Amino acid sequence: MKTTKVVSILLYPIAVFGMNSAYADDKLENRFLDCLEKEMVTVNLYLVNGIRLEGQIGDHDKNVILLKGKFDQMVYTHAISTIAPLKDLGSTCLYSKDDKD
């Protein structure tokens, strides 16, 4: 059986991890989504109810993600459990110079 590596990011709720601010991970989350959007990477987007959506990130804000595919879909971030890119992003667009120190 072939296994695949899944890269995921939990969008919300951030408070589950005991962070002080609800916006503590916005910088990383936005960089991740901006990178996916800029590189036009196809992603599998898994919802909390188990449904898998496939497409490219068109645009995003803190409440919704526009997923472009056969049909454009607006998905509320509170309904997303995992975003899995179908290609390796590397670390070039995920880390800023400040984070590498």
C-alpha atoms as a PDB file:
ATOM      1  CA  MET A   1       0.000   0.000   0.000  1.00  0.00           C
ATOM      2  CA  LYS A   2       1.355   3.416  -0.980  1.00  0.00           C
ATOM      3  CA  THR A   3       1.489   6.031   1.775  1.00  0.00           C
ATOM      4  CA  THR A   4       1.452   9.737   1.184  1.00  0.00           C
ATOM      5  CA  LYS A   5       2.823  12.571   3.254  1.00  0.00           C
ATOM      6  CA  VAL A   6       0.139  15.041   4.316  1.00  0.00           C
ATOM      7  CA  VAL A   7       1.074  18.572   5.318  1.00  0.00           C
ATOM      8  CA  SER A   8      -1.687  20.157   7.297  1.00  0.00           C
ATOM      9  CA  ILE A   9      -2.467  23.345   9.116  1.00  0.00           C
ATOM     10  CA  LEU A  10      -5.263  23.748  11.614  1.00  0.00           C
ATOM     11  CA  LEU A  11      -6.984  27.017  10.841  1.00  0.00           C
ATOM     12  CA  TYR A  12      -9.307  27.469  13.817  1.00  0.00           C
ATOM     13  CA  PRO A  13      -9.801  27.348  16.751  1.00  0.00           C
ATOM     14  CA  ILE A  14      -6.370  28.625  17.721  1.00  0.00           C
ATOM     15  CA  ALA A  15      -7.364  28.844  21.392  1.00  0.00           C
ATOM     16  CA  VAL A  16      -7.288  25.024  21.601  1.00  0.00           C
ATOM     17  CA  PHE A  17      -3.498  25.210  21.751  1.00  0.00           C
ATOM     18  CA  GLY A  18      -3.512  27.626  24.679  1.00  0.00           C
ATOM     19  CA  MET A  19      -2.300  30.646  22.724  1.00  0.00           C
ATOM     20  CA  ASN A  20      -2.688  34.020  24.406  1.00  0.00           C
ATOM     21  CA  SER A  21      -4.203  35.752  21.406  1.00  0.00           C
ATOM     22  CA  ALA A  22      -6.750  34.584  18.874  1.00  0.00           C
ATOM     23  CA  TYR A  23      -4.532  36.222  16.256  1.00  0.00           C
ATOM     24  CA  ALA A  24      -1.240  34.589  17.318  1.00  0.00           C
ATOM     25  CA  ASP A  25      -1.089  32.276  14.286  1.00  0.00           C
ATOM     26  CA  ASP A  26      -2.531  34.679  11.706  1.00  0.00           C
ATOM     27  CA  LYS A  27       0.943  35.509  10.390  1.00  0.00           C
ATOM     28  CA  LEU A  28       1.801  31.853   9.680  1.00  0.00           C
ATOM     29  CA  GLU A  29      -1.689  31.037   8.453  1.00  0.00           C
ATOM     30  CA  ASN A  30      -1.694  33.972   6.044  1.00  0.00           C
ATOM     31  CA  ARG A  31       1.796  33.151   4.736  1.00  0.00           C
ATOM     32  CA  PHE A  32       0.717  29.550   4.130  1.00  0.00           C
ATOM     33  CA  LEU A  33      -2.467  30.542   2.290  1.00  0.00           C
ATOM     34  CA  ASP A  34      -0.710  33.370   0.395  1.00  0.00           C
ATOM     35  CA  CYS A  35       1.954  30.895  -0.747  1.00  0.00           C
ATOM     36  CA  LEU A  36      -0.669  28.408  -1.933  1.00  0.00           C
ATOM     37  CA  GLU A  37      -2.460  31.204  -3.763  1.00  0.00           C
ATOM     38  CA  LYS A  38       0.682  32.699  -5.339  1.00  0.00           C
ATOM     39  CA  GLU A  39       2.100  29.334  -6.448  1.00  0.00           C
ATOM     40  CA  MET A  40      -1.363  28.212  -7.679  1.00  0.00           C
ATOM     41  CA  VAL A  41      -0.956  24.905  -5.855  1.00  0.00           C
ATOM     42  CA  THR A  42      -3.849  22.454  -6.038  1.00  0.00           C
ATOM     43  CA  VAL A  43      -4.945  21.448  -2.542  1.00  0.00           C
ATOM     44  CA  ASN A  44      -7.179  18.910  -0.888  1.00  0.00           C
ATOM     45  CA  LEU A  45      -9.268  20.800   1.637  1.00  0.00           C
ATOM     46  CA  TYR A  46     -10.861  18.539   4.254  1.00  0.00           C
ATOM     47  CA  LEU A  47     -13.908  19.739   6.146  1.00  0.00           C
ATOM     48  CA  VAL A  48     -14.666  18.793   9.755  1.00  0.00           C
ATOM     49  CA  ASN A  49     -17.512  16.557   8.546  1.00  0.00           C
ATOM     50  CA  GLY A  50     -15.067  14.503   6.432  1.00  0.00           C
ATOM     51  CA  ILE A  51     -15.878  15.930   2.990  1.00  0.00           C
ATOM     52  CA  ARG A  52     -12.857  16.467   0.725  1.00  0.00           C
ATOM     53  CA  LEU A  53     -12.789  19.425  -1.646  1.00  0.00           C
ATOM     54  CA  GLU A  54     -10.112  19.887  -4.308  1.00  0.00           C
ATOM     55  CA  GLY A  55      -9.052  23.116  -5.967  1.00  0.00           C
ATOM     56  CA  GLN A  56      -6.764  26.123  -5.767  1.00  0.00           C
ATOM     57  CA  ILE A  57      -6.900  28.899  -3.204  1.00  0.00           C
ATOM     58  CA  GLY A  58      -8.333  31.943  -4.962  1.00  0.00           C
ATOM     59  CA  ASP A  59      -8.474  34.402  -2.082  1.00  0.00           C
ATOM     60  CA  HIS A  60      -8.911  34.293   1.677  1.00  0.00           C
ATOM     61  CA  ASP A  61      -9.574  36.288   4.805  1.00  0.00           C
ATOM     62  CA  LYS A  62      -9.960  35.271   8.444  1.00  0.00           C
ATOM     63  CA  ASN A  63     -13.512  33.951   7.870  1.00  0.00           C
ATOM     64  CA  VAL A  64     -13.613  32.393   4.395  1.00  0.00           C
ATOM     65  CA  ILE A  65     -11.472  30.826   1.684  1.00  0.00           C
ATOM     66  CA  LEU A  66     -12.400  31.006  -1.981  1.00  0.00           C
ATOM     67  CA  LEU A  67     -11.629  27.614  -3.513  1.00  0.00           C
ATOM     68  CA  LYS A  68     -11.376  27.563  -7.301  1.00  0.00           C
ATOM     69  CA  GLY A  69     -11.938  24.296  -9.138  1.00  0.00           C
ATOM     70  CA  LYS A  70     -14.656  22.913 -11.381  1.00  0.00           C
ATOM     71  CA  PHE A  71     -16.923  25.223  -9.418  1.00  0.00           C
ATOM     72  CA  ASP A  72     -15.828  28.200  -7.322  1.00  0.00           C
ATOM     73  CA  GLN A  73     -16.735  27.645  -3.683  1.00  0.00           C
ATOM     74  CA  MET A  74     -16.615  29.893  -0.645  1.00  0.00           C
ATOM     75  CA  VAL A  75     -15.709  27.794   2.398  1.00  0.00           C
ATOM     76  CA  TYR A  76     -15.955  29.089   5.956  1.00  0.00           C
ATOM     77  CA  THR A  77     -12.681  28.566   7.833  1.00  0.00           C
ATOM     78  CA  HIS A  78     -14.455  27.211  10.917  1.00  0.00           C
ATOM     79  CA  ALA A  79     -15.606  24.270   8.762  1.00  0.00           C
ATOM     80  CA  ILE A  80     -12.058  23.332   7.638  1.00  0.00           C
ATOM     81  CA  SER A  81      -9.973  20.765   9.475  1.00  0.00           C
ATOM     82  CA  THR A  82      -6.993  20.323   7.110  1.00  0.00           C
ATOM     83  CA  ILE A  83      -5.452  21.828   3.997  1.00  0.00           C
ATOM     84  CA  ALA A  84      -3.147  19.398   2.179  1.00  0.00           C
ATOM     85  CA  PRO A  85      -1.149  20.726  -0.800  1.00  0.00           C
ATOM     86  CA  LEU A  86      -0.708  18.213  -3.618  1.00  0.00           C
ATOM     87  CA  LYS A  87       2.915  19.284  -4.127  1.00  0.00           C
ATOM     88  CA  ASP A  88       5.753  20.080  -1.755  1.00  0.00           C
ATOM     89  CA  LEU A  89       5.984  23.785  -0.982  1.00  0.00           C
ATOM     90  CA  GLY A  90       9.465  23.632   0.493  1.00  0.00           C
ATOM     91  CA  SER A  91      10.285  26.250   3.085  1.00  0.00           C
ATOM     92  CA  THR A  92      10.948  29.187   0.774  1.00  0.00           C
ATOM     93  CA  CYS A  93       7.586  30.910   1.028  1.00  0.00           C
ATOM     94  CA  LEU A  94       6.569  29.802   4.517  1.00  0.00           C
ATOM     95  CA  TYR A  95       9.337  31.399   6.563  1.00  0.00           C
ATOM     96  CA  SER A  96      10.337  35.028   6.682  1.00  0.00           C
ATOM     97  CA  LYS A  97      13.896  36.138   7.411  1.00  0.00           C
ATOM     98  CA  ASP A  98      12.844  36.987  10.975  1.00  0.00           C
ATOM     99  CA  ASP A  99      11.625  33.425  11.637  1.00  0.00           C
ATOM    100  CA  LYS A 100      14.880  31.758  10.565  1.00  0.00           C
ATOM    101  CA  ASP A 101      16.873  33.333  13.414  1.00  0.00           C
END
